[in-house]
Amino acid sequence: MQNSSATSIKAAIDIGTNSMHLVVARLADHGGFEMLTSEKETVRLGQGGGEMKLLAPDAIERGIAALGRMKQVAASFGNVDLAAVATSAVREASNRNEFLDRARDEVGIDVEVISGFEEARLIHLGVLQALPVFEQRILLVDIGGGSTEFLVGEGADPIEARSMKLGAIRLTERFFAEALAEDRVPTDDEIDECRNYVRAALAPVGHELGGHQPQVAVGSSGTATTIAAMAVAARGDDVRQMNGVVFSATELADVAERVLTASDRRKLDGLDDKRSDIILGGVILLQEVFAAFDLQAMTISEYALREGVLFDRFASGSGQDLHDLRRSNLLRLAHQLDPDPEHAEHTARLATQLFDRTKSLHGLGDPERELLDAAAIVHNVGLFISHSSHHKHSYYVIRNSEQLTGFTEHEVELIAVLARYHRKSHPADKHDEFAALCKDDQRLVRQLAGMLRLAIGLDRRHAGVVESMRVIIKDGTVRIEPLAPRAADIDGGIDLEIYAARERSRLFAEAFDVTVEVDVSAHDTPHDTPHDTPQDAADSESS
């Protein structure tokens, strides 16, 4: 069902903490979409008022069943390309692989777990398709069940984003579980405790993002849409769709008063029964968002994450745009933290050349090539912390960077692991970050890290002397012949690069079960390979 290039039918699934959304569309000739259907199920994958550390067995069952039904809906339109992403509940769960494995094995859907910052970027993309706000600087607020995403953007460009572990379910279960269990109105103390907690958490975000002076606030979540629907109902208006509806701070205060004092919230006009319990935390959170950013009004976007995924993954030209975004973010991180980013970029060129010239050996595709390119660009960012063990520091920096928007959580993890293995120890099960990968990912890391090490060796002096390479694969031997037109002008030629590449070739040889030779072509004039001391050999792993 996935990755079918011939079909014009596309679908996206957003797996949230509270609900699961499907949208199915037909790709139009102009590159846009004709929406065919949408579906929503309240699944409640996430639960717990603190850290959502585990997906409960019954929640996993509900999620898998809902995914199966949504796949059937999408398939009813014929052959379809489908992309599915998961957010806070799955992202935070230590047993998320159980859900992801079952989604793949039982339903046939590969679910991507995305970071909070990537979630904000995709929501922003969806909002831009729904509202005429392209020319304005917007503050986007998406209150989910487990987290809230904030983004300030102008045009197509996100300026700054934050993801916070504040959500309607998380807050309601933390502060109002007792009131819900006793089926009573929350006390003033319970309300104040929740409000003070949220207010303290939002203070730095309001200061940092508010400084960008957004011109319009956009709400794209079920919480914001529900509050808007209640405001519209109080006006007595008949609104057919919520997209573009605006509600004021005064109307929000009125809705909050009704929600927090109602003896039976299910009877409140405009409030969906399925949201009547979690609206307690949601309405307080939105009130405090209004206060933190001094908002007077908010506009509703009916397009959000699922539409953002649809446009990002499938719209005409979006693939190249996404690639450009991803690579520009990598380069920005490298230029901020790597003392020699030009070496990293040259290493990336050599690594992808080696990838291209050994395709008959590995059979990998463009996604894997991009991962190698990405890891090469940022492999040395750990030098920002210290030279000692900087490969391990690189893992930490990449894994925790907020700048790599455009990449999925899984892709960021693989890039970080590849950077961690650009030098020193080979991948091993005793390393937690490697042991946590599935077997296929472990094999991929060995292969790509082997290529990366060779490429780094071929630029040992950070001088860009080796510009390209010939690769000859024959009878279980991979022969790499560096090409260096300027070698004659350099003292020692490329002897050091050849030596360093040989020293770094063992992981590649083991990963592909081949013998690796690195030498100049017989048609070139080689220099004698230097007889380095043991210390020199150790230094060849220092990049």
Protein backbone atom coordinates (compact mmCIF):
# COMPACT_ATOMS: atom_id res chain seq x y z
CA MET A 1 0.00 0.00 0.00
CA GLN A 2 2.87 2.32 0.70
CA ASN A 3 5.50 3.65 -1.69
CA SER A 4 3.45 3.13 -4.83
CA SER A 5 4.69 5.69 -7.32
CA ALA A 6 1.93 5.17 -9.91
CA THR A 7 -1.08 6.27 -7.89
CA SER A 8 -2.44 9.80 -7.55
CA ILE A 9 -4.31 8.92 -4.33
CA LYS A 10 -2.44 9.94 -1.20
CA ALA A 11 -3.27 9.51 2.48
CA ALA A 12 -1.84 10.65 5.80
CA ILE A 13 -2.50 9.44 9.33
CA ASP A 14 -1.73 11.47 12.46
CA ILE A 15 -1.46 9.29 15.57
CA GLY A 16 -1.93 11.61 18.53
CA THR A 17 -2.24 11.15 22.27
CA ASN A 18 -6.01 11.62 22.27
CA SER A 19 -7.14 10.82 18.75
CA MET A 20 -6.12 9.45 15.39
CA HIS A 21 -6.83 11.33 12.16
CA LEU A 22 -6.87 10.20 8.53
CA VAL A 23 -7.06 12.34 5.44
CA VAL A 24 -7.26 10.96 1.89
CA ALA A 25 -6.75 13.15 -1.16
CA ARG A 26 -6.17 13.02 -4.90
CA LEU A 27 -3.05 14.74 -6.25
CA ALA A 28 -4.18 17.39 -8.74
CA ASP A 29 -2.40 18.37 -11.94
CA HIS A 30 -1.36 21.72 -10.45
CA GLY A 31 0.40 19.96 -7.57
CA GLY A 32 -2.32 20.63 -4.99
CA PHE A 33 -4.84 18.20 -3.58
CA GLU A 34 -8.52 17.39 -3.95
CA MET A 35 -9.62 16.16 -0.53
CA LEU A 36 -11.62 12.94 -0.76
CA THR A 37 -12.39 12.04 2.84
CA SER A 38 -11.24 12.40 6.41
CA GLU A 39 -11.71 10.23 9.46
CA LYS A 40 -11.17 10.68 13.19
CA GLU A 41 -11.20 8.20 16.05
CA THR A 42 -10.74 8.97 19.74
CA VAL A 43 -8.22 6.33 20.75
CA ARG A 44 -6.59 7.73 23.93
CA LEU A 45 -3.18 6.19 23.37
CA GLY A 46 -1.62 8.32 26.10
CA GLN A 47 -2.55 8.38 29.74
CA GLY A 48 -1.00 9.52 33.01
CA GLY A 49 -0.66 12.94 34.54
CA GLY A 50 3.14 12.94 34.58
CA GLU A 51 5.56 11.32 32.18
CA MET A 52 3.76 9.14 29.65
CA LYS A 53 6.29 6.36 29.96
CA LEU A 54 4.21 3.42 28.78
CA LEU A 55 1.50 2.66 26.25
CA ALA A 56 -1.04 0.52 28.09
CA PRO A 57 -1.87 -2.85 26.47
CA ASP A 58 -5.51 -1.84 25.89
CA ALA A 59 -4.38 1.47 24.38
CA ILE A 60 -2.10 -0.39 21.95
CA GLU A 61 -5.00 -2.66 21.00
CA ARG A 62 -7.24 0.36 20.34
CA GLY A 63 -4.52 2.03 18.32
CA ILE A 64 -3.78 -0.99 16.14
CA ALA A 65 -7.50 -1.58 15.53
CA ALA A 66 -8.03 2.06 14.58
CA LEU A 67 -5.03 1.98 12.23
CA GLY A 68 -6.48 -1.08 10.53
CA ARG A 69 -9.83 0.62 10.00
CA MET A 70 -8.17 3.76 8.63
CA LYS A 71 -6.10 1.72 6.23
CA GLN A 72 -9.31 0.10 4.98
CA VAL A 73 -10.90 3.52 4.45
CA ALA A 74 -7.87 4.71 2.50
CA ALA A 75 -7.75 1.49 0.45
CA SER A 76 -11.40 1.91 -0.53
CA PHE A 77 -10.23 4.60 -2.95
CA GLY A 78 -7.95 2.14 -4.73
CA ASN A 79 -4.17 2.04 -4.88
CA VAL A 80 -2.90 4.65 -2.41
CA ASP A 81 0.36 6.01 -1.00
CA LEU A 82 0.10 6.39 2.76
CA ALA A 83 2.29 8.15 5.31
CA ALA A 84 1.68 7.82 9.06
CA VAL A 85 3.28 9.82 11.87
CA ALA A 86 3.05 9.48 15.65
CA THR A 87 3.47 12.25 18.21
CA SER A 88 3.74 12.69 21.97
CA ALA A 89 2.24 9.48 23.39
CA VAL A 90 4.24 7.16 21.15
CA ARG A 91 7.28 9.44 21.18
CA GLU A 92 7.60 9.29 24.98
CA ALA A 93 6.69 5.64 25.54
CA SER A 94 9.51 3.28 26.42
CA ASN A 95 7.53 0.42 24.84
CA ARG A 96 6.79 2.32 21.62
CA ASN A 97 8.50 -0.37 19.53
CA GLU A 98 5.74 -2.79 20.51
CA PHE A 99 3.20 -0.47 18.91
CA LEU A 100 5.40 0.34 15.90
CA ASP A 101 6.22 -3.32 15.24
CA ARG A 102 2.57 -4.34 15.41
CA ALA A 103 1.57 -1.46 13.13
CA ARG A 104 4.10 -2.68 10.58
CA ASP A 105 3.54 -6.44 10.95
CA GLU A 106 -0.23 -6.59 11.52
CA VAL A 107 -1.50 -3.55 9.62
CA GLY A 108 1.24 -3.04 7.06
CA ILE A 109 1.92 0.59 8.00
CA ASP A 110 5.38 1.96 8.82
CA VAL A 111 4.74 4.68 11.38
CA GLU A 112 7.26 7.52 11.69
CA VAL A 113 7.74 8.91 15.18
CA ILE A 114 8.37 12.63 14.78
CA SER A 115 9.91 15.11 17.20
CA GLY A 116 7.91 17.96 18.71
CA PHE A 117 9.76 20.45 16.54
CA GLU A 118 9.12 18.48 13.36
CA GLU A 119 5.49 18.21 14.44
CA ALA A 120 5.29 22.00 14.70
CA ARG A 121 6.87 22.44 11.25
CA LEU A 122 4.39 20.05 9.63
CA ILE A 123 1.41 21.66 11.39
CA HIS A 124 2.63 25.03 10.12
CA LEU A 125 2.72 23.65 6.57
CA GLY A 126 -0.85 22.40 6.97
CA VAL A 127 -2.04 25.75 8.34
CA LEU A 128 -0.55 27.59 5.36
CA GLN A 129 -2.82 25.54 3.08
CA ALA A 130 -5.92 26.42 5.11
CA LEU A 131 -5.65 30.11 6.01
CA PRO A 132 -4.56 33.25 4.09
CA VAL A 133 -1.74 33.99 6.55
CA PHE A 134 1.27 33.53 4.29
CA GLU A 135 2.09 37.24 4.32
CA GLN A 136 1.79 37.55 8.10
CA ARG A 137 3.99 36.53 11.01
CA ILE A 138 1.94 33.94 12.86
CA LEU A 139 2.01 32.31 16.26
CA LEU A 140 0.84 28.73 15.86
CA VAL A 141 -0.49 26.92 18.95
CA ASP A 142 -1.41 23.24 18.76
CA ILE A 143 -2.63 21.78 22.05
CA GLY A 144 -2.56 18.01 21.90
CA GLY A 145 -3.34 15.42 24.50
CA GLY A 146 0.23 15.05 25.70
CA SER A 147 2.13 18.06 24.37
CA THR A 148 1.67 21.53 22.96
CA GLU A 149 3.58 22.77 19.95
CA PHE A 150 4.36 26.45 19.48
CA LEU A 151 5.78 27.93 16.29
CA VAL A 152 6.41 31.42 15.04
CA GLY A 153 6.58 31.52 11.26
CA GLU A 154 6.50 33.97 8.41
CA GLY A 155 5.74 32.87 4.88
CA ALA A 156 6.89 29.29 4.40
CA ASP A 157 9.69 29.65 6.94
CA PRO A 158 9.47 28.58 10.57
CA ILE A 159 11.35 31.17 12.64
CA GLU A 160 11.37 29.42 15.99
CA ALA A 161 9.50 26.53 17.56
CA ARG A 162 9.00 24.92 20.96
CA SER A 163 7.42 21.67 22.08
CA MET A 164 6.25 21.41 25.68
CA LYS A 165 4.94 18.50 27.71
CA LEU A 166 1.69 20.32 28.41
CA GLY A 167 -1.42 18.72 26.99
CA ALA A 168 -5.14 18.42 27.65
CA ILE A 169 -4.99 14.80 28.80
CA ARG A 170 -1.74 15.18 30.70
CA LEU A 171 -3.00 18.21 32.67
CA THR A 172 -6.50 16.90 33.27
CA GLU A 173 -5.23 13.59 34.67
CA ARG A 174 -2.61 15.31 36.79
CA PHE A 175 -4.82 17.94 38.40
CA PHE A 176 -8.43 16.82 37.99
CA ALA A 177 -8.39 13.03 38.22
CA GLU A 178 -10.08 13.10 41.62
CA ALA A 179 -12.80 15.50 40.47
CA LEU A 180 -13.52 13.30 37.45
CA ALA A 181 -13.58 10.13 39.56
CA GLU A 182 -16.05 11.73 41.96
CA ASP A 183 -18.04 13.28 39.10
CA ARG A 184 -17.91 16.72 40.65
CA VAL A 185 -16.93 20.27 39.78
CA PRO A 186 -13.21 20.94 40.40
CA THR A 187 -12.41 23.00 43.46
CA ASP A 188 -10.83 26.45 43.30
CA ASP A 189 -7.65 25.01 44.80
CA GLU A 190 -7.43 22.34 42.08
CA ILE A 191 -7.97 24.96 39.38
CA ASP A 192 -5.41 27.31 40.91
CA GLU A 193 -2.83 24.53 41.23
CA CYS A 194 -3.21 23.64 37.55
CA ARG A 195 -3.20 27.27 36.46
CA ASN A 196 -0.06 28.12 38.44
CA TYR A 197 1.76 25.06 37.10
CA VAL A 198 0.93 25.96 33.50
CA ARG A 199 1.69 29.64 34.01
CA ALA A 200 5.18 28.86 35.34
CA ALA A 201 5.90 26.45 32.50
CA LEU A 202 4.77 28.92 29.81
CA ALA A 203 6.60 31.99 31.13
CA PRO A 204 9.90 31.45 29.27
CA VAL A 205 8.14 30.38 26.06
CA GLY A 206 5.94 33.47 26.07
CA HIS A 207 9.01 35.65 26.56
CA GLU A 208 11.13 33.96 23.88
CA LEU A 209 8.57 33.46 21.12
CA GLY A 210 6.55 36.56 21.94
CA GLY A 211 9.66 38.61 21.22
CA HIS A 212 9.15 37.82 17.53
CA GLN A 213 5.97 39.94 17.68
CA PRO A 214 3.58 37.67 15.76
CA GLN A 215 0.69 39.44 14.06
CA VAL A 216 -1.95 36.70 14.26
CA ALA A 217 -2.48 33.66 16.51
CA VAL A 218 -3.66 30.40 14.96
CA GLY A 219 -5.05 27.41 16.86
CA SER A 220 -5.02 24.08 15.05
CA SER A 221 -5.95 21.49 17.66
CA GLY A 222 -9.07 19.76 18.88
CA THR A 223 -8.95 21.79 22.09
CA ALA A 224 -8.87 25.14 20.30
CA THR A 225 -11.52 24.05 17.79
CA THR A 226 -13.81 22.82 20.57
CA ILE A 227 -13.49 26.12 22.46
CA ALA A 228 -14.20 28.01 19.24
CA ALA A 229 -17.28 25.84 18.66
CA MET A 230 -18.53 26.64 22.16
CA ALA A 231 -17.96 30.36 21.56
CA VAL A 232 -19.86 30.15 18.27
CA ALA A 233 -22.71 28.28 19.98
CA ALA A 234 -22.91 30.99 22.65
CA ARG A 235 -23.26 33.61 19.90
CA GLY A 236 -26.12 31.66 18.38
CA ASP A 237 -24.31 31.52 15.05
CA ASP A 238 -24.80 28.71 12.55
CA VAL A 239 -21.31 27.87 11.30
CA ARG A 240 -20.89 25.03 8.81
CA GLN A 241 -17.14 24.72 9.18
CA MET A 242 -14.68 25.91 11.80
CA ASN A 243 -11.83 26.84 9.50
CA GLY A 244 -11.20 30.58 9.78
CA VAL A 245 -13.46 31.05 12.81
CA VAL A 246 -12.11 33.66 15.24
CA PHE A 247 -12.86 33.75 18.96
CA SER A 248 -11.79 36.46 21.39
CA ALA A 249 -10.08 36.42 24.77
CA THR A 250 -13.40 37.46 26.33
CA GLU A 251 -15.20 34.54 24.71
CA LEU A 252 -12.45 32.19 25.90
CA ALA A 253 -12.93 33.44 29.47
CA ASP A 254 -16.68 32.83 29.18
CA VAL A 255 -16.13 29.29 27.87
CA ALA A 256 -13.66 28.58 30.67
CA GLU A 257 -16.15 29.77 33.29
CA ARG A 258 -18.83 27.45 31.93
CA VAL A 259 -16.50 24.47 31.61
CA LEU A 260 -15.01 24.79 35.08
CA THR A 261 -18.31 25.32 36.90
CA ALA A 262 -20.70 23.01 35.01
CA SER A 263 -22.14 20.13 36.98
CA ASP A 264 -22.52 18.18 33.72
CA ARG A 265 -20.17 19.40 31.00
CA ARG A 266 -21.73 17.03 28.46
CA LYS A 267 -24.74 19.34 28.28
CA LEU A 268 -22.71 22.40 27.29
CA ASP A 269 -23.48 23.62 23.77
CA GLY A 270 -20.69 23.04 21.29
CA LEU A 271 -18.74 20.61 23.51
CA ASP A 272 -18.17 17.15 22.03
CA ASP A 273 -19.03 14.40 24.54
CA LYS A 274 -15.71 12.66 23.79
CA ARG A 275 -13.82 15.77 24.87
CA SER A 276 -15.94 16.68 27.89
CA ASP A 277 -13.47 15.17 30.37
CA ILE A 278 -10.14 16.41 29.00
CA ILE A 279 -11.45 19.94 28.30
CA LEU A 280 -10.69 20.88 31.92
CA GLY A 281 -6.94 20.91 31.44
CA GLY A 282 -7.26 22.13 27.85
CA VAL A 283 -9.24 25.28 28.57
CA ILE A 284 -6.94 26.35 31.41
CA LEU A 285 -3.92 25.75 29.20
CA LEU A 286 -5.34 27.86 26.37
CA GLN A 287 -6.26 30.64 28.79
CA GLU A 288 -2.69 30.73 30.05
CA VAL A 289 -1.37 30.72 26.48
CA PHE A 290 -3.50 33.80 25.78
CA ALA A 291 -2.08 35.43 28.91
CA ALA A 292 1.56 34.47 28.19
CA PHE A 293 1.42 35.98 24.68
CA ASP A 294 -1.06 38.76 25.50
CA LEU A 295 -3.43 37.46 22.80
CA GLN A 296 -6.73 39.17 22.09
CA ALA A 297 -8.05 36.59 19.61
CA MET A 298 -7.27 33.30 17.90
CA THR A 299 -8.13 32.00 14.41
CA ILE A 300 -8.94 28.33 13.88
CA SER A 301 -7.25 26.22 11.19
CA GLU A 302 -8.99 22.97 10.36
CA TYR A 303 -5.82 21.82 8.62
CA ALA A 304 -3.10 20.62 10.95
CA LEU A 305 -0.57 17.81 11.19
CA ARG A 306 -2.18 15.24 8.86
CA GLU A 307 -2.59 17.81 6.07
CA GLY A 308 0.95 19.02 6.69
CA VAL A 309 2.22 15.47 6.27
CA LEU A 310 0.17 15.10 3.11
CA PHE A 311 1.62 18.23 1.51
CA ASP A 312 5.12 17.62 2.80
CA ARG A 313 5.38 14.03 1.62
CA PHE A 314 3.35 14.08 -1.56
CA ALA A 315 2.74 17.56 -3.03
CA SER A 316 4.48 18.32 -6.31
CA GLY A 317 8.00 19.57 -5.68
CA SER A 318 7.78 19.16 -1.92
CA GLY A 319 10.32 16.35 -1.86
CA GLN A 320 13.07 18.61 -3.16
CA ASP A 321 11.96 21.42 -0.88
CA LEU A 322 12.11 19.07 2.10
CA HIS A 323 15.58 17.90 1.10
CA ASP A 324 16.76 21.50 0.86
CA LEU A 325 15.30 22.31 4.27
CA ARG A 326 16.89 19.30 5.89
CA ARG A 327 20.32 19.90 4.42
CA SER A 328 20.31 23.61 5.19
CA ASN A 329 19.52 22.80 8.84
CA LEU A 330 22.40 20.31 8.96
CA LEU A 331 24.79 22.86 7.48
CA ARG A 332 23.66 25.50 9.95
CA LEU A 333 24.32 23.15 12.87
CA ALA A 334 27.74 22.24 11.48
CA HIS A 335 28.74 25.87 10.93
CA GLN A 336 27.70 26.70 14.50
CA LEU A 337 29.53 23.88 16.27
CA ASP A 338 32.17 22.31 14.01
CA PRO A 339 35.47 24.25 13.92
CA ASP A 340 36.08 23.03 10.35
CA PRO A 341 32.71 22.63 8.61
CA GLU A 342 34.37 22.70 5.17
CA HIS A 343 36.06 19.40 6.03
CA ALA A 344 32.68 17.96 6.99
CA GLU A 345 31.14 19.06 3.69
CA HIS A 346 34.04 17.62 1.71
CA THR A 347 33.75 14.39 3.67
CA ALA A 348 30.06 14.28 2.75
CA ARG A 349 30.94 14.59 -0.95
CA LEU A 350 33.46 11.75 -0.72
CA ALA A 351 31.12 9.57 1.35
CA THR A 352 28.24 9.91 -1.10
CA GLN A 353 30.61 9.25 -4.02
CA LEU A 354 31.67 6.02 -2.31
CA PHE A 355 27.98 5.20 -1.72
CA ASP A 356 27.15 5.76 -5.40
CA ARG A 357 30.14 3.77 -6.66
CA THR A 358 29.40 0.75 -4.43
CA LYS A 359 25.67 0.51 -5.15
CA SER A 360 26.09 -2.94 -6.67
CA LEU A 361 27.46 -4.03 -3.30
CA HIS A 362 24.85 -2.58 -0.95
CA GLY A 363 21.70 -1.98 -3.04
CA LEU A 364 20.64 0.92 -0.84
CA GLY A 365 18.57 3.86 -2.06
CA ASP A 366 18.21 7.62 -1.78
CA PRO A 367 16.94 7.67 1.84
CA GLU A 368 20.04 5.83 3.04
CA ARG A 369 22.29 8.03 0.89
CA GLU A 370 20.76 11.11 2.52
CA LEU A 371 21.39 9.67 6.00
CA LEU A 372 25.06 9.16 5.12
CA ASP A 373 25.32 12.68 3.73
CA ALA A 374 23.66 14.08 6.86
CA ALA A 375 25.90 12.18 9.27
CA ALA A 376 29.01 13.30 7.38
CA ILE A 377 27.98 16.95 7.60
CA VAL A 378 27.47 16.89 11.37
CA HIS A 379 29.87 14.15 12.46
CA ASN A 380 32.23 16.58 14.21
CA VAL A 381 29.74 18.83 16.03
CA GLY A 382 30.77 17.17 19.30
CA LEU A 383 34.05 19.09 19.10
CA PHE A 384 32.04 22.01 20.46
CA ILE A 385 32.10 20.23 23.84
CA SER A 386 35.63 18.78 23.76
CA HIS A 387 37.99 16.85 21.53
CA SER A 388 38.17 13.92 23.91
CA SER A 389 35.39 11.45 23.02
CA HIS A 390 33.92 14.00 20.64
CA HIS A 391 32.25 11.23 18.64
CA LYS A 392 30.12 10.49 21.72
CA HIS A 393 29.46 14.20 22.20
CA SER A 394 28.35 14.39 18.57
CA TYR A 395 25.71 11.74 19.27
CA TYR A 396 24.36 13.75 22.20
CA VAL A 397 24.37 17.09 20.34
CA ILE A 398 22.62 15.71 17.26
CA ARG A 399 20.11 13.68 19.26
CA ASN A 400 19.10 16.69 21.33
CA SER A 401 19.34 19.42 18.72
CA GLU A 402 16.22 21.48 18.09
CA GLN A 403 17.48 22.56 14.67
CA LEU A 404 17.05 19.40 12.62
CA THR A 405 13.48 20.07 11.54
CA GLY A 406 12.46 18.10 8.49
CA PHE A 407 13.88 14.85 9.85
CA THR A 408 11.82 12.24 11.65
CA GLU A 409 12.75 11.14 15.15
CA HIS A 410 13.99 7.85 13.72
CA GLU A 411 16.15 9.58 11.12
CA VAL A 412 17.70 11.87 13.74
CA GLU A 413 18.55 8.83 15.86
CA LEU A 414 20.25 7.09 12.92
CA ILE A 415 22.20 10.22 11.99
CA ALA A 416 23.34 10.59 15.61
CA VAL A 417 24.41 6.94 15.85
CA LEU A 418 26.32 7.19 12.57
CA ALA A 419 28.16 10.26 13.84
CA ARG A 420 28.93 8.44 17.08
CA TYR A 421 30.70 5.70 15.07
CA HIS A 422 32.73 7.90 12.76
CA ARG A 423 35.83 7.03 14.82
CA LYS A 424 37.17 4.80 17.59
CA SER A 425 35.13 1.73 18.62
CA HIS A 426 33.07 -0.15 16.09
CA PRO A 427 29.33 -0.58 16.70
CA ALA A 428 28.68 -3.14 19.44
CA ASP A 429 25.74 -4.45 21.44
CA LYS A 430 27.38 -3.23 24.64
CA HIS A 431 26.69 0.34 23.46
CA ASP A 432 23.17 1.31 24.55
CA GLU A 433 22.38 3.50 21.55
CA PHE A 434 23.38 0.72 19.11
CA ALA A 435 21.68 -2.07 21.06
CA ALA A 436 18.41 -0.11 21.00
CA LEU A 437 18.27 -0.26 17.19
CA CYS A 438 16.45 -3.02 15.32
CA LYS A 439 18.59 -5.53 13.43
CA ASP A 440 18.02 -3.87 10.05
CA ASP A 441 19.08 -0.50 11.42
CA GLN A 442 22.13 -2.04 13.06
CA ARG A 443 23.22 -3.50 9.73
CA LEU A 444 22.62 -0.16 8.01
CA VAL A 445 24.67 1.70 10.63
CA ARG A 446 27.60 -0.68 10.14
CA GLN A 447 27.49 -0.19 6.38
CA LEU A 448 27.11 3.58 6.35
CA ALA A 449 29.56 4.16 9.21
CA GLY A 450 32.07 2.06 7.29
CA MET A 451 31.69 4.40 4.30
CA LEU A 452 31.91 7.47 6.52
CA ARG A 453 35.16 6.33 8.12
CA LEU A 454 36.76 5.76 4.73
CA ALA A 455 35.65 9.18 3.50
CA ILE A 456 37.07 10.87 6.60
CA GLY A 457 40.38 9.09 6.04
CA LEU A 458 40.51 10.35 2.45
CA ASP A 459 40.44 13.92 3.78
CA ARG A 460 42.85 13.27 6.63
CA ARG A 461 44.55 16.67 6.39
CA HIS A 462 41.27 18.58 5.97
CA ALA A 463 42.72 20.00 2.76
CA GLY A 464 40.35 18.60 0.15
CA VAL A 465 43.27 17.06 -1.74
CA VAL A 466 41.36 13.92 -2.74
CA GLU A 467 38.59 15.21 -4.97
CA SER A 468 37.00 11.95 -6.07
CA MET A 469 37.72 8.26 -6.46
CA ARG A 470 37.52 5.26 -8.71
CA VAL A 471 35.98 2.15 -7.15
CA ILE A 472 36.59 -1.28 -8.63
CA ILE A 473 34.61 -4.22 -7.20
CA LYS A 474 35.85 -7.64 -8.24
CA ASP A 475 36.13 -11.10 -6.71
CA GLY A 476 35.31 -10.03 -3.17
CA THR A 477 37.67 -7.07 -3.23
CA VAL A 478 36.75 -3.39 -3.22
CA ARG A 479 39.60 -1.30 -4.56
CA ILE A 480 39.40 2.44 -3.94
CA GLU A 481 41.65 4.62 -6.07
CA PRO A 482 41.72 8.24 -4.84
CA LEU A 483 41.88 10.90 -7.53
CA ALA A 484 43.84 14.00 -6.57
CA PRO A 485 44.76 16.29 -9.47
CA ARG A 486 46.67 18.62 -7.13
CA ALA A 487 48.68 15.86 -5.42
CA ALA A 488 51.89 16.71 -7.27
CA ASP A 489 51.85 20.20 -5.77
CA ILE A 490 51.58 18.94 -2.20
CA ASP A 491 54.45 17.71 -0.07
CA GLY A 492 54.05 13.97 0.29
CA GLY A 493 51.21 13.80 -2.23
CA ILE A 494 48.27 11.85 -0.86
CA ASP A 495 50.27 9.26 1.05
CA LEU A 496 48.74 10.31 4.37
CA GLU A 497 45.19 10.15 2.98
CA ILE A 498 45.80 6.67 1.56
CA TYR A 499 47.25 5.49 4.85
CA ALA A 500 44.42 6.96 6.92
CA ALA A 501 41.77 5.42 4.65
CA ARG A 502 43.42 2.01 4.94
CA GLU A 503 43.47 2.35 8.72
CA ARG A 504 39.76 3.16 8.69
CA SER A 505 38.67 0.46 6.25
CA ARG A 506 38.07 -2.45 8.67
CA LEU A 507 34.43 -1.61 9.52
CA PHE A 508 33.55 -1.33 5.82
CA ALA A 509 35.29 -4.64 5.13
CA GLU A 510 33.42 -6.37 7.95
CA ALA A 511 30.06 -4.84 7.07
CA PHE A 512 30.21 -6.04 3.46
CA ASP A 513 32.44 -9.11 3.97
CA VAL A 514 35.01 -7.89 1.46
CA THR A 515 38.69 -7.08 1.28
CA VAL A 516 39.39 -3.37 0.94
CA GLU A 517 42.34 -1.95 -0.95
CA VAL A 518 43.13 1.77 -1.02
CA ASP A 519 45.83 2.88 -3.43
CA VAL A 520 46.47 5.10 -6.41
CA SER A 521 45.86 3.69 -9.84
CA ALA A 522 48.71 1.90 -11.56
CA HIS A 523 48.40 4.62 -14.21
CA ASP A 524 49.19 7.32 -11.63
CA THR A 525 52.49 8.02 -9.93
CA PRO A 526 52.23 6.81 -6.34
CA HIS A 527 54.29 8.03 -3.45
CA ASP A 528 55.64 5.50 -1.02
CA THR A 529 53.21 4.82 1.79
CA PRO A 530 54.63 6.43 4.95
CA HIS A 531 55.73 4.17 7.76
CA ASP A 532 53.81 5.85 10.57
CA THR A 533 54.48 5.28 14.22
CA PRO A 534 51.77 3.78 16.46
CA GLN A 535 50.99 7.31 17.64
CA ASP A 536 50.47 8.40 14.03
CA ALA A 537 48.06 5.52 13.57
CA ALA A 538 46.10 6.61 16.62
CA ASP A 539 46.01 10.17 15.31
CA SER A 540 44.49 8.96 12.05
CA GLU A 541 41.31 8.25 14.02
CA SER A 542 41.16 11.74 15.53
CA SER A 543 38.79 13.41 13.04
